[in-house]
Amino acid sequence: MSKRTAIVTGASSGIGLAVAKALVENGDQVVMADINQEAGLAEAHKLDALFVKADLSQRGDCKSLVDMTLKKFGQVDILVSNAGIQHVSPVEDFPEDKWDFMIALMLTAPFLLTRYCWPSMKEHGWGRVIHINSVHGLIASPFKSAYISAKHGVSGLTKTTALEGGPFGITVNSICPAYVRTPLVDNQIADQAKVHDLSEQEVIETIMLKNAAVKRLIEPNEIGELVTYLCSDKAACFTGSCMTMDCGWTAT
């Protein structure tokens, strides 16, 4: 194929940045979207990518991101929906505004971005939509009601749109990792320590890695490598999958 255009959200750090790097190294032109303009611009400059500041909890920003990409490059071939946050709290104390924000960012935004990219992918008969989901899109843990609800919704969105995209050469998959070494996870360690009255090291050992067969955090570049594969023609039969990358967490 000729050079492809990819949108990667939450791309200023962590998994999103690793995915952007992997796609650039693969020869794709990448649009990096994030709310953090300073970090996003700096990282995009290093990668010779385009940065777009976007608050993806807002419908208008989702639409503008895709419109700007189409105006600049003429089409969208790859969408990697990654932006997300975490909040740890018992359900009776969970802030209602935080719930609304997290569902907008992590469930509504993936739907909207898919919807807005879809016509371009259909027109060109090829597309890759990849949601950076979570092992919590398949199973649950306490104190994460909004995150887990959003991620379970993404699993359903993945399957439904895969069925719709198949006839047009569009595949849709979710990657469902366990804990990845990112700033988001670093923040979770502190939150979990507070909720469970544990030290941060105890959180890592007794909560994060408790159910894992492989006792380590996943590295962001490992996610990037899987995204690159799913974007290749070799992965044309992978669609509708919620692919576990969980160090054996869900094997029990």
C-alpha atoms as a PDB file:
ATOM      1  CA  MET A   1       0.000   0.000   0.000  1.00  0.00           C
ATOM      2  CA  SER A   2       0.957   3.643  -0.301  1.00  0.00           C
ATOM      3  CA  LYS A   3       1.790   5.506   2.877  1.00  0.00           C
ATOM      4  CA  ARG A   4      -1.097   5.148   5.340  1.00  0.00           C
ATOM      5  CA  THR A   5      -2.530   7.757   7.687  1.00  0.00           C
ATOM      6  CA  ALA A   6      -3.110   6.878  11.337  1.00  0.00           C
ATOM      7  CA  ILE A   7      -4.802   8.711  14.203  1.00  0.00           C
ATOM      8  CA  VAL A   8      -3.560   7.795  17.673  1.00  0.00           C
ATOM      9  CA  THR A   9      -5.293   9.265  20.723  1.00  0.00           C
ATOM     10  CA  GLY A  10      -3.747   9.767  24.145  1.00  0.00           C
ATOM     11  CA  ALA A  11      -0.460   9.938  22.283  1.00  0.00           C
ATOM     12  CA  SER A  12       1.673  12.259  24.406  1.00  0.00           C
ATOM     13  CA  SER A  13       2.856   9.510  26.760  1.00  0.00           C
ATOM     14  CA  GLY A  14       2.548   5.865  27.749  1.00  0.00           C
ATOM     15  CA  ILE A  15       0.867   3.396  25.426  1.00  0.00           C
ATOM     16  CA  GLY A  16      -0.292   6.030  22.942  1.00  0.00           C
ATOM     17  CA  LEU A  17       3.208   7.381  22.481  1.00  0.00           C
ATOM     18  CA  ALA A  18       4.617   3.874  22.062  1.00  0.00           C
ATOM     19  CA  VAL A  19       1.975   3.122  19.424  1.00  0.00           C
ATOM     20  CA  ALA A  20       2.702   6.364  17.579  1.00  0.00           C
ATOM     21  CA  LYS A  21       6.426   5.542  17.543  1.00  0.00           C
ATOM     22  CA  ALA A  22       5.774   2.017  16.251  1.00  0.00           C
ATOM     23  CA  LEU A  23       3.556   3.246  13.420  1.00  0.00           C
ATOM     24  CA  VAL A  24       6.010   5.972  12.395  1.00  0.00           C
ATOM     25  CA  GLU A  25       8.791   3.373  12.341  1.00  0.00           C
ATOM     26  CA  ASN A  26       6.502   1.260  10.163  1.00  0.00           C
ATOM     27  CA  GLY A  27       6.360   4.074   7.605  1.00  0.00           C
ATOM     28  CA  ASP A  28       2.937   5.484   8.430  1.00  0.00           C
ATOM     29  CA  GLN A  29       2.090   9.168   8.757  1.00  0.00           C
ATOM     30  CA  VAL A  30       0.690   9.682  12.232  1.00  0.00           C
ATOM     31  CA  VAL A  31      -1.623  12.253  13.754  1.00  0.00           C
ATOM     32  CA  MET A  32      -1.084  12.338  17.514  1.00  0.00           C
ATOM     33  CA  ALA A  33      -3.991  13.626  19.602  1.00  0.00           C
ATOM     34  CA  ASP A  34      -3.902  14.515  23.278  1.00  0.00           C
ATOM     35  CA  ILE A  35      -5.153  17.091  25.768  1.00  0.00           C
ATOM     36  CA  ASN A  36      -1.554  17.723  26.890  1.00  0.00           C
ATOM     37  CA  GLN A  37      -0.372  20.144  24.223  1.00  0.00           C
ATOM     38  CA  GLU A  38       3.126  20.816  25.551  1.00  0.00           C
ATOM     39  CA  ALA A  39       4.118  17.154  25.821  1.00  0.00           C
ATOM     40  CA  GLY A  40       2.253  16.214  22.647  1.00  0.00           C
ATOM     41  CA  LEU A  41       3.960  18.859  20.518  1.00  0.00           C
ATOM     42  CA  ALA A  42       7.376  17.877  21.862  1.00  0.00           C
ATOM     43  CA  GLU A  43       6.873  14.180  21.141  1.00  0.00           C
ATOM     44  CA  ALA A  44       5.329  14.801  17.727  1.00  0.00           C
ATOM     45  CA  HIS A  45       8.317  16.955  16.771  1.00  0.00           C
ATOM     46  CA  LYS A  46      10.678  14.093  17.657  1.00  0.00           C
ATOM     47  CA  LEU A  47       8.683  11.695  15.494  1.00  0.00           C
ATOM     48  CA  ASP A  48       8.020  14.086  12.596  1.00  0.00           C
ATOM     49  CA  ALA A  49       4.318  13.541  13.224  1.00  0.00           C
ATOM     50  CA  LEU A  50       1.377  15.951  13.376  1.00  0.00           C
ATOM     51  CA  PHE A  51      -0.016  16.882  16.786  1.00  0.00           C
ATOM     52  CA  VAL A  52      -3.618  17.941  17.389  1.00  0.00           C
ATOM     53  CA  LYS A  53      -4.775  19.135  20.783  1.00  0.00           C
ATOM     54  CA  ALA A  54      -8.115  17.511  21.551  1.00  0.00           C
ATOM     55  CA  ASP A  55     -10.364  17.014  24.555  1.00  0.00           C
ATOM     56  CA  LEU A  56     -11.918  13.751  23.444  1.00  0.00           C
ATOM     57  CA  SER A  57     -14.613  13.931  26.093  1.00  0.00           C
ATOM     58  CA  GLN A  58     -16.123  16.592  23.811  1.00  0.00           C
ATOM     59  CA  ARG A  59     -17.969  15.549  20.652  1.00  0.00           C
ATOM     60  CA  GLY A  60     -16.785  18.618  18.752  1.00  0.00           C
ATOM     61  CA  ASP A  61     -13.125  17.828  19.393  1.00  0.00           C
ATOM     62  CA  CYS A  62     -13.600  14.248  18.186  1.00  0.00           C
ATOM     63  CA  LYS A  63     -15.128  15.523  14.959  1.00  0.00           C
ATOM     64  CA  SER A  64     -12.499  18.235  14.489  1.00  0.00           C
ATOM     65  CA  LEU A  65      -9.673  15.729  14.935  1.00  0.00           C
ATOM     66  CA  VAL A  66     -10.941  13.540  12.118  1.00  0.00           C
ATOM     67  CA  ASP A  67     -11.854  16.498   9.904  1.00  0.00           C
ATOM     68  CA  MET A  68      -8.368  18.006  10.290  1.00  0.00           C
ATOM     69  CA  THR A  69      -6.773  14.673   9.432  1.00  0.00           C
ATOM     70  CA  LEU A  70      -8.926  14.282   6.330  1.00  0.00           C
ATOM     71  CA  LYS A  71      -8.165  17.847   5.244  1.00  0.00           C
ATOM     72  CA  LYS A  72      -4.417  17.348   5.706  1.00  0.00           C
ATOM     73  CA  PHE A  73      -3.973  13.836   4.322  1.00  0.00           C
ATOM     74  CA  GLY A  74      -7.155  13.077   2.376  1.00  0.00           C
ATOM     75  CA  GLN A  75      -8.044   9.862   4.188  1.00  0.00           C
ATOM     76  CA  VAL A  76      -7.833   7.946   7.458  1.00  0.00           C
ATOM     77  CA  ASP A  77      -6.607   4.364   7.265  1.00  0.00           C
ATOM     78  CA  ILE A  78      -5.880   3.546  10.909  1.00  0.00           C
ATOM     79  CA  LEU A  79      -7.560   4.617  14.131  1.00  0.00           C
ATOM     80  CA  VAL A  80      -5.983   3.696  17.456  1.00  0.00           C
ATOM     81  CA  SER A  81      -8.291   4.776  20.261  1.00  0.00           C
ATOM     82  CA  ASN A  82      -6.224   4.857  23.415  1.00  0.00           C
ATOM     83  CA  ALA A  83      -7.039   7.938  25.520  1.00  0.00           C
ATOM     84  CA  GLY A  84      -8.198   7.119  29.024  1.00  0.00           C
ATOM     85  CA  ILE A  85      -7.954   7.822  32.720  1.00  0.00           C
ATOM     86  CA  GLN A  86      -8.584   5.914  35.915  1.00  0.00           C
ATOM     87  CA  HIS A  87     -10.386   6.751  39.143  1.00  0.00           C
ATOM     88  CA  VAL A  88     -10.491   4.375  42.091  1.00  0.00           C
ATOM     89  CA  SER A  89     -13.382   4.774  44.508  1.00  0.00           C
ATOM     90  CA  PRO A  90     -16.146   2.711  46.139  1.00  0.00           C
ATOM     91  CA  VAL A  91     -19.343   2.960  44.137  1.00  0.00           C
ATOM     92  CA  GLU A  92     -21.231   4.827  46.869  1.00  0.00           C
ATOM     93  CA  ASP A  93     -18.558   7.530  46.864  1.00  0.00           C
ATOM     94  CA  PHE A  94     -17.848   7.568  43.124  1.00  0.00           C
ATOM     95  CA  PRO A  95     -18.193  11.177  41.885  1.00  0.00           C
ATOM     96  CA  GLU A  96     -21.024  11.473  39.370  1.00  0.00           C
ATOM     97  CA  ASP A  97     -19.191  14.072  37.292  1.00  0.00           C
ATOM     98  CA  LYS A  98     -16.158  11.778  37.126  1.00  0.00           C
ATOM     99  CA  TRP A  99     -18.401   8.958  35.889  1.00  0.00           C
ATOM    100  CA  ASP A 100     -19.796  11.181  33.119  1.00  0.00           C
ATOM    101  CA  PHE A 101     -16.318  12.307  32.065  1.00  0.00           C
ATOM    102  CA  MET A 102     -14.831   8.804  31.990  1.00  0.00           C
ATOM    103  CA  ILE A 103     -17.693   7.318  29.984  1.00  0.00           C
ATOM    104  CA  ALA A 104     -17.462  10.216  27.511  1.00  0.00           C
ATOM    105  CA  LEU A 105     -13.699   9.817  27.122  1.00  0.00           C
ATOM    106  CA  MET A 106     -13.390   6.043  27.055  1.00  0.00           C
ATOM    107  CA  LEU A 107     -16.638   4.817  25.484  1.00  0.00           C
ATOM    108  CA  THR A 108     -18.375   7.634  23.637  1.00  0.00           C
ATOM    109  CA  ALA A 109     -15.141   8.956  22.067  1.00  0.00           C
ATOM    110  CA  PRO A 110     -14.146   5.561  20.594  1.00  0.00           C
ATOM    111  CA  PHE A 111     -17.642   5.315  19.082  1.00  0.00           C
ATOM    112  CA  LEU A 112     -17.555   8.856  17.680  1.00  0.00           C
ATOM    113  CA  LEU A 113     -14.043   8.524  16.258  1.00  0.00           C
ATOM    114  CA  THR A 114     -14.960   5.221  14.638  1.00  0.00           C
ATOM    115  CA  ARG A 115     -18.117   6.779  13.205  1.00  0.00           C
ATOM    116  CA  TYR A 116     -16.244   9.755  11.769  1.00  0.00           C
ATOM    117  CA  CYS A 117     -13.386   7.675  10.281  1.00  0.00           C
ATOM    118  CA  TRP A 118     -15.687   4.987   8.880  1.00  0.00           C
ATOM    119  CA  PRO A 119     -16.721   6.695   5.596  1.00  0.00           C
ATOM    120  CA  SER A 120     -13.099   7.230   4.548  1.00  0.00           C
ATOM    121  CA  MET A 121     -12.208   3.611   5.316  1.00  0.00           C
ATOM    122  CA  LYS A 122     -15.259   2.316   3.428  1.00  0.00           C
ATOM    123  CA  GLU A 123     -14.498   4.526   0.439  1.00  0.00           C
ATOM    124  CA  HIS A 124     -10.975   3.144   0.150  1.00  0.00           C
ATOM    125  CA  GLY A 125     -11.910  -0.465   0.942  1.00  0.00           C
ATOM    126  CA  TRP A 126      -9.408  -0.802   3.772  1.00  0.00           C
ATOM    127  CA  GLY A 127      -9.237   0.199   7.410  1.00  0.00           C
ATOM    128  CA  ARG A 128      -7.918  -0.749  10.805  1.00  0.00           C
ATOM    129  CA  VAL A 129      -9.637   0.277  14.030  1.00  0.00           C
ATOM    130  CA  ILE A 130      -7.831  -0.750  17.195  1.00  0.00           C
ATOM    131  CA  HIS A 131      -9.073   0.077  20.653  1.00  0.00           C
ATOM    132  CA  ILE A 132      -6.595  -0.036  23.503  1.00  0.00           C
ATOM    133  CA  ASN A 133      -8.995  -1.801  25.810  1.00  0.00           C
ATOM    134  CA  SER A 134      -8.030  -3.567  29.038  1.00  0.00           C
ATOM    135  CA  VAL A 135      -8.227  -6.890  30.772  1.00  0.00           C
ATOM    136  CA  HIS A 136     -10.967  -5.002  32.623  1.00  0.00           C
ATOM    137  CA  GLY A 137     -12.941  -5.043  29.394  1.00  0.00           C
ATOM    138  CA  LEU A 138     -13.341  -8.764  30.071  1.00  0.00           C
ATOM    139  CA  ILE A 139     -13.381  -9.124  33.854  1.00  0.00           C
ATOM    140  CA  ALA A 140     -14.011  -6.852  36.823  1.00  0.00           C
ATOM    141  CA  SER A 141     -12.252  -5.627  39.939  1.00  0.00           C
ATOM    142  CA  PRO A 142     -13.715  -3.595  42.797  1.00  0.00           C
ATOM    143  CA  PHE A 143     -13.597   0.210  43.077  1.00  0.00           C
ATOM    144  CA  LYS A 144     -13.315   0.897  39.320  1.00  0.00           C
ATOM    145  CA  SER A 145     -16.952   1.085  38.270  1.00  0.00           C
ATOM    146  CA  ALA A 146     -16.632   3.733  35.537  1.00  0.00           C
ATOM    147  CA  TYR A 147     -13.437   2.359  34.011  1.00  0.00           C
ATOM    148  CA  ILE A 148     -14.700  -1.198  33.877  1.00  0.00           C
ATOM    149  CA  SER A 149     -18.117  -0.176  32.559  1.00  0.00           C
ATOM    150  CA  ALA A 150     -16.484   1.845  29.783  1.00  0.00           C
ATOM    151  CA  LYS A 151     -14.065  -0.925  28.843  1.00  0.00           C
ATOM    152  CA  HIS A 152     -16.798  -3.576  28.758  1.00  0.00           C
ATOM    153  CA  GLY A 153     -18.668  -1.218  26.428  1.00  0.00           C
ATOM    154  CA  VAL A 154     -15.627  -0.980  24.174  1.00  0.00           C
ATOM    155  CA  SER A 155     -15.592  -4.778  23.923  1.00  0.00           C
ATOM    156  CA  GLY A 156     -19.152  -4.665  22.622  1.00  0.00           C
ATOM    157  CA  LEU A 157     -18.371  -1.804  20.253  1.00  0.00           C
ATOM    158  CA  THR A 158     -15.438  -3.811  18.883  1.00  0.00           C
ATOM    159  CA  LYS A 159     -17.573  -6.826  18.061  1.00  0.00           C
ATOM    160  CA  THR A 160     -20.465  -4.879  16.540  1.00  0.00           C
ATOM    161  CA  THR A 161     -18.350  -2.690  14.274  1.00  0.00           C
ATOM    162  CA  ALA A 162     -16.235  -5.668  13.205  1.00  0.00           C
ATOM    163  CA  LEU A 163     -19.386  -7.266  11.824  1.00  0.00           C
ATOM    164  CA  GLU A 164     -20.279  -4.061   9.983  1.00  0.00           C
ATOM    165  CA  GLY A 165     -16.765  -3.446   8.669  1.00  0.00           C
ATOM    166  CA  GLY A 166     -15.957  -6.900   7.324  1.00  0.00           C
ATOM    167  CA  PRO A 167     -17.592  -6.452   3.903  1.00  0.00           C
ATOM    168  CA  PHE A 168     -15.617  -3.235   3.353  1.00  0.00           C
ATOM    169  CA  GLY A 169     -12.125  -4.449   4.252  1.00  0.00           C
ATOM    170  CA  ILE A 170     -12.241  -2.831   7.705  1.00  0.00           C
ATOM    171  CA  THR A 171     -11.104  -4.820  10.722  1.00  0.00           C
ATOM    172  CA  VAL A 172     -11.818  -3.818  14.314  1.00  0.00           C
ATOM    173  CA  ASN A 173     -10.007  -5.269  17.307  1.00  0.00           C
ATOM    174  CA  SER A 174      -9.358  -4.521  20.958  1.00  0.00           C
ATOM    175  CA  ILE A 175      -6.107  -5.117  22.784  1.00  0.00           C
ATOM    176  CA  CYS A 176      -6.792  -6.064  26.395  1.00  0.00           C
ATOM    177  CA  PRO A 177      -3.592  -5.720  28.415  1.00  0.00           C
ATOM    178  CA  ALA A 178      -3.052  -6.179  32.102  1.00  0.00           C
ATOM    179  CA  TYR A 179      -1.027  -3.505  33.903  1.00  0.00           C
ATOM    180  CA  VAL A 180       1.317  -1.608  31.583  1.00  0.00           C
ATOM    181  CA  ARG A 181       4.232   0.493  32.783  1.00  0.00           C
ATOM    182  CA  THR A 182       2.672   3.942  32.189  1.00  0.00           C
ATOM    183  CA  PRO A 183       1.960   7.149  34.122  1.00  0.00           C
ATOM    184  CA  LEU A 184      -1.674   5.991  34.406  1.00  0.00           C
ATOM    185  CA  VAL A 185      -0.584   2.865  36.254  1.00  0.00           C
ATOM    186  CA  ASP A 186       1.818   4.848  38.446  1.00  0.00           C
ATOM    187  CA  ASN A 187      -1.124   6.963  39.567  1.00  0.00           C
ATOM    188  CA  GLN A 188      -3.233   3.875  40.178  1.00  0.00           C
ATOM    189  CA  ILE A 189      -0.635   2.466  42.534  1.00  0.00           C
ATOM    190  CA  ALA A 190      -1.004   5.468  44.817  1.00  0.00           C
ATOM    191  CA  ASP A 191      -4.816   5.383  44.592  1.00  0.00           C
ATOM    192  CA  GLN A 192      -4.992   1.668  45.327  1.00  0.00           C
ATOM    193  CA  ALA A 193      -2.618   2.072  48.257  1.00  0.00           C
ATOM    194  CA  LYS A 194      -4.990   4.602  49.762  1.00  0.00           C
ATOM    195  CA  VAL A 195      -8.160   2.569  49.164  1.00  0.00           C
ATOM    196  CA  HIS A 196      -6.703  -0.696  50.456  1.00  0.00           C
ATOM    197  CA  ASP A 197      -4.480   0.795  53.185  1.00  0.00           C
ATOM    198  CA  LEU A 198      -1.369  -0.817  51.726  1.00  0.00           C
ATOM    199  CA  SER A 199       2.097   0.336  50.795  1.00  0.00           C
ATOM    200  CA  GLU A 200       2.703   0.981  47.100  1.00  0.00           C
ATOM    201  CA  GLN A 201       4.973  -2.070  46.827  1.00  0.00           C
ATOM    202  CA  GLU A 202       2.279  -4.203  48.422  1.00  0.00           C
ATOM    203  CA  VAL A 203      -0.198  -2.902  45.845  1.00  0.00           C
ATOM    204  CA  ILE A 204       2.064  -4.052  43.002  1.00  0.00           C
ATOM    205  CA  GLU A 205       2.684  -7.474  44.512  1.00  0.00           C
ATOM    206  CA  THR A 206      -0.672  -8.330  46.089  1.00  0.00           C
ATOM    207  CA  ILE A 207      -3.112  -6.595  43.722  1.00  0.00           C
ATOM    208  CA  MET A 208      -1.618  -5.784  40.338  1.00  0.00           C
ATOM    209  CA  LEU A 209       0.435  -8.942  39.832  1.00  0.00           C
ATOM    210  CA  LYS A 210      -1.515 -11.290  42.090  1.00  0.00           C
ATOM    211  CA  ASN A 211      -3.378 -13.084  39.290  1.00  0.00           C
ATOM    212  CA  ALA A 212      -0.631 -12.931  36.667  1.00  0.00           C
ATOM    213  CA  ALA A 213       1.361 -15.993  35.641  1.00  0.00           C
ATOM    214  CA  VAL A 214       4.154 -13.717  34.404  1.00  0.00           C
ATOM    215  CA  LYS A 215       5.026 -11.485  37.338  1.00  0.00           C
ATOM    216  CA  ARG A 216       5.935  -8.239  35.610  1.00  0.00           C
ATOM    217  CA  LEU A 217       4.377  -5.132  34.134  1.00  0.00           C
ATOM    218  CA  ILE A 218       3.899  -4.996  30.369  1.00  0.00           C
ATOM    219  CA  GLU A 219       6.093  -2.525  28.499  1.00  0.00           C
ATOM    220  CA  PRO A 220       4.368   0.064  26.254  1.00  0.00           C
ATOM    221  CA  ASN A 221       6.453  -0.906  23.217  1.00  0.00           C
ATOM    222  CA  GLU A 222       4.991  -4.412  23.403  1.00  0.00           C
ATOM    223  CA  ILE A 223       1.565  -2.892  22.776  1.00  0.00           C
ATOM    224  CA  GLY A 224       3.021  -0.884  19.900  1.00  0.00           C
ATOM    225  CA  GLU A 225       4.383  -4.004  18.252  1.00  0.00           C
ATOM    226  CA  LEU A 226       1.005  -5.748  18.432  1.00  0.00           C
ATOM    227  CA  VAL A 227      -0.739  -2.702  16.958  1.00  0.00           C
ATOM    228  CA  THR A 228       1.719  -2.691  14.059  1.00  0.00           C
ATOM    229  CA  TYR A 229       0.957  -6.335  13.350  1.00  0.00           C
ATOM    230  CA  LEU A 230      -2.815  -5.811  13.502  1.00  0.00           C
ATOM    231  CA  CYS A 231      -2.415  -2.969  11.004  1.00  0.00           C
ATOM    232  CA  SER A 232      -0.665  -5.227   8.509  1.00  0.00           C
ATOM    233  CA  ASP A 233      -2.295  -7.221   5.746  1.00  0.00           C
ATOM    234  CA  LYS A 234      -1.050 -10.369   7.499  1.00  0.00           C
ATOM    235  CA  ALA A 235      -3.695  -9.710  10.171  1.00  0.00           C
ATOM    236  CA  ALA A 236      -6.598  -9.373   7.741  1.00  0.00           C
ATOM    237  CA  CYS A 237      -8.517 -12.231   9.390  1.00  0.00           C
ATOM    238  CA  PHE A 238      -8.214 -10.799  12.894  1.00  0.00           C
ATOM    239  CA  THR A 239     -11.411  -8.890  13.554  1.00  0.00           C
ATOM    240  CA  GLY A 240     -13.946  -8.673  16.345  1.00  0.00           C
ATOM    241  CA  SER A 241     -11.308  -9.899  18.783  1.00  0.00           C
ATOM    242  CA  CYS A 242     -10.682  -8.702  22.308  1.00  0.00           C
ATOM    243  CA  MET A 243      -7.112  -9.905  22.436  1.00  0.00           C
ATOM    244  CA  THR A 244      -5.736 -10.635  25.876  1.00  0.00           C
ATOM    245  CA  MET A 245      -2.199  -9.491  26.580  1.00  0.00           C
ATOM    246  CA  ASP A 246      -2.465 -10.058  30.278  1.00  0.00           C
ATOM    247  CA  CYS A 247       0.476 -12.179  31.428  1.00  0.00           C
ATOM    248  CA  GLY A 248      -1.952 -15.022  32.067  1.00  0.00           C
ATOM    249  CA  TRP A 249      -4.338 -13.071  34.310  1.00  0.00           C
ATOM    250  CA  THR A 250      -7.523 -14.451  32.709  1.00  0.00           C
ATOM    251  CA  ALA A 251      -6.189 -18.006  32.350  1.00  0.00           C
ATOM    252  CA  THR A 252      -7.490 -18.970  35.797  1.00  0.00           C
END
